[in-house]
Amino acid sequence: MVDGFERLNHDEVVSIEPDTFNKLDIAKTFKVRDLITAIKEYIGADGTPEANLYTQGINCEVLKFTAQGWKKGKVRLALEFCPDEPESPLEEINDKLAQFDILSKIWVENPVLIGRLLVEYGCGRVINH
C-alpha cells in the first residue's frame, strides 16, 4: 500500500454519492470493472487498442527514479482505494499472522516440495524426511 492507497480487484464493489459522476453511465453501487467499462465507453476506447490500457496493458517504456535507463514493459490503469481511517496495527499483524498460518500449513503438508523450491531459488538446502 502506497500513501494509504491499495489497488482494488475488478470484482470488488464500490458505492459513491449519487451526483459524483455527471457524464458516466454508472449506477451508485458498482463493481470496479463496471466503472472501467463506463470510462472506456465515455472516451470511446471500447474495441480499440486503447482498451488494453484497462486490461492487459499497453507496451511502453518507463524511466523510473530507481532504475538506470529506460525499462520496457506494459502500463495499465487501475482503481485504488484509501480508507478514511487507516487499518489499526493490530489488523495488519492479524493479516500477517494469517499469511504465516497458511504458509506453515503448506510447509507441514509438503515439506519436501517446499525444500526443493527453496533450493531451486537459492534459499536453502533439500530436507529429506
Protein backbone atom coordinates (compact mmCIF):
# COMPACT_ATOMS: atom_id res chain seq x y z
CA MET A 1 0.00 0.00 0.00
CA VAL A 2 1.48 3.33 -1.10
CA ASP A 3 0.27 6.57 0.51
CA GLY A 4 -2.56 4.61 2.10
CA PHE A 5 -3.96 3.54 -1.30
CA GLU A 6 -4.44 -0.09 -2.28
CA ARG A 7 -5.41 -1.46 -5.66
CA LEU A 8 -8.96 -2.77 -5.95
CA ASN A 9 -9.78 -6.08 -7.63
CA HIS A 10 -12.06 -5.83 -10.69
CA ASP A 11 -14.82 -7.74 -8.85
CA GLU A 12 -14.82 -5.57 -5.72
CA VAL A 13 -17.84 -3.31 -5.19
CA VAL A 14 -17.79 0.48 -4.79
CA SER A 15 -20.61 2.76 -3.66
CA ILE A 16 -20.44 6.51 -4.41
CA GLU A 17 -22.55 9.59 -3.76
CA PRO A 18 -25.34 9.83 -6.38
CA ASP A 19 -24.06 13.01 -8.06
CA THR A 20 -20.37 12.02 -8.24
CA PHE A 21 -20.38 11.36 -11.99
CA ASN A 22 -22.36 13.51 -14.40
CA LYS A 23 -21.11 12.11 -17.71
CA LEU A 24 -20.52 8.44 -16.94
CA ASP A 25 -23.38 5.97 -17.27
CA ILE A 26 -22.84 4.13 -13.99
CA ALA A 27 -25.01 3.14 -11.03
CA LYS A 28 -24.44 4.43 -7.49
CA THR A 29 -23.10 0.99 -6.48
CA PHE A 30 -20.97 -0.90 -8.99
CA LYS A 31 -18.12 -3.34 -9.49
CA VAL A 32 -14.73 -1.84 -10.35
CA ARG A 33 -14.93 -3.48 -13.79
CA ASP A 34 -18.21 -1.61 -14.43
CA LEU A 35 -16.54 1.75 -13.81
CA ILE A 36 -13.65 0.81 -16.11
CA THR A 37 -16.18 -0.17 -18.80
CA ALA A 38 -18.07 3.13 -18.35
CA ILE A 39 -14.81 5.09 -18.69
CA LYS A 40 -13.85 3.13 -21.84
CA GLU A 41 -17.27 3.83 -23.35
CA TYR A 42 -17.09 7.52 -22.41
CA ILE A 43 -13.71 8.05 -24.05
CA GLY A 44 -14.62 5.83 -26.98
CA ALA A 45 -11.97 3.21 -26.27
CA ASP A 46 -14.19 0.11 -26.44
CA GLY A 47 -12.98 -2.16 -29.24
CA THR A 48 -9.80 -0.12 -29.84
CA PRO A 49 -6.17 -0.84 -28.91
CA GLU A 50 -6.56 1.80 -26.17
CA ALA A 51 -8.99 -0.53 -24.36
CA ASN A 52 -5.94 -2.65 -23.44
CA LEU A 53 -4.93 0.17 -21.12
CA TYR A 54 -7.55 -1.20 -18.70
CA THR A 55 -6.91 -4.94 -19.17
CA GLN A 56 -3.57 -6.48 -20.17
CA GLY A 57 -1.82 -3.13 -20.53
CA ILE A 58 -0.15 -1.38 -23.44
CA ASN A 59 3.50 -1.62 -24.47
CA CYS A 60 5.65 1.24 -23.26
CA GLU A 61 9.00 2.31 -21.86
CA VAL A 62 9.32 3.85 -18.40
CA LEU A 63 12.12 5.92 -16.92
CA LYS A 64 11.87 5.27 -13.17
CA PHE A 65 13.71 7.13 -10.44
CA THR A 66 15.17 3.88 -9.11
CA ALA A 67 16.30 2.46 -12.46
CA GLN A 68 19.24 3.26 -14.66
CA GLY A 69 17.80 3.97 -18.08
CA TRP A 70 14.54 3.13 -19.75
CA LYS A 71 12.72 -0.14 -18.94
CA LYS A 72 10.46 -1.80 -21.50
CA GLY A 73 7.19 -3.27 -20.32
CA LYS A 74 3.48 -2.54 -20.09
CA VAL A 75 1.39 0.06 -18.33
CA ARG A 76 -2.29 -0.11 -17.35
CA LEU A 77 -4.78 1.87 -15.34
CA ALA A 78 -6.29 0.62 -12.08
CA LEU A 79 -8.70 1.87 -9.43
CA GLU A 80 -7.23 2.37 -5.95
CA PHE A 81 -8.86 2.90 -2.57
CA CYS A 82 -7.65 4.72 0.54
CA PRO A 83 -9.72 4.28 3.73
CA ASP A 84 -10.60 7.43 5.68
CA GLU A 85 -9.35 5.65 8.79
CA PRO A 86 -6.20 3.58 8.31
CA GLU A 87 -6.18 -0.01 9.49
CA SER A 88 -5.06 -0.46 13.03
CA PRO A 89 -1.62 -2.02 13.56
CA LEU A 90 -3.39 -5.00 15.15
CA GLU A 91 -5.32 -5.67 11.92
CA GLU A 92 -2.05 -5.61 9.97
CA ILE A 93 -0.47 -8.03 12.47
CA ASN A 94 -3.51 -10.33 12.22
CA ASP A 95 -3.23 -10.30 8.41
CA LYS A 96 0.47 -11.22 8.58
CA LEU A 97 -0.26 -14.00 11.11
CA ALA A 98 -2.96 -15.40 8.82
CA GLN A 99 -0.47 -15.44 5.93
CA PHE A 100 2.10 -17.17 8.14
CA ASP A 101 -0.52 -19.73 9.22
CA ILE A 102 -1.26 -20.57 5.58
CA LEU A 103 2.45 -20.90 4.79
CA SER A 104 3.05 -23.11 7.83
CA LYS A 105 0.18 -25.41 6.77
CA ILE A 106 1.69 -25.69 3.29
CA TRP A 107 5.09 -26.48 4.86
CA VAL A 108 3.63 -29.22 7.10
CA GLU A 109 1.71 -30.81 4.23
CA ASN A 110 4.55 -30.56 1.63
CA PRO A 111 7.95 -30.22 3.33
CA VAL A 112 9.92 -31.98 0.57
CA LEU A 113 8.32 -29.91 -2.18
CA ILE A 114 8.91 -26.67 -0.26
CA GLY A 115 12.53 -27.69 0.43
CA ARG A 116 13.13 -28.34 -3.25
CA LEU A 117 11.61 -24.99 -4.19
CA LEU A 118 13.84 -23.24 -1.67
CA VAL A 119 16.91 -24.93 -3.14
CA GLU A 120 15.82 -24.16 -6.70
CA TYR A 121 15.51 -20.48 -5.85
CA GLY A 122 18.76 -20.43 -3.87
CA CYS A 123 17.21 -20.10 -0.45
CA GLY A 124 18.23 -23.30 1.31
CA ARG A 125 19.05 -26.97 1.05
CA VAL A 126 16.83 -30.02 0.45
CA ILE A 127 15.28 -31.52 3.54
CA ASN A 128 14.62 -35.27 3.29
CA HIS A 129 12.05 -36.83 5.59
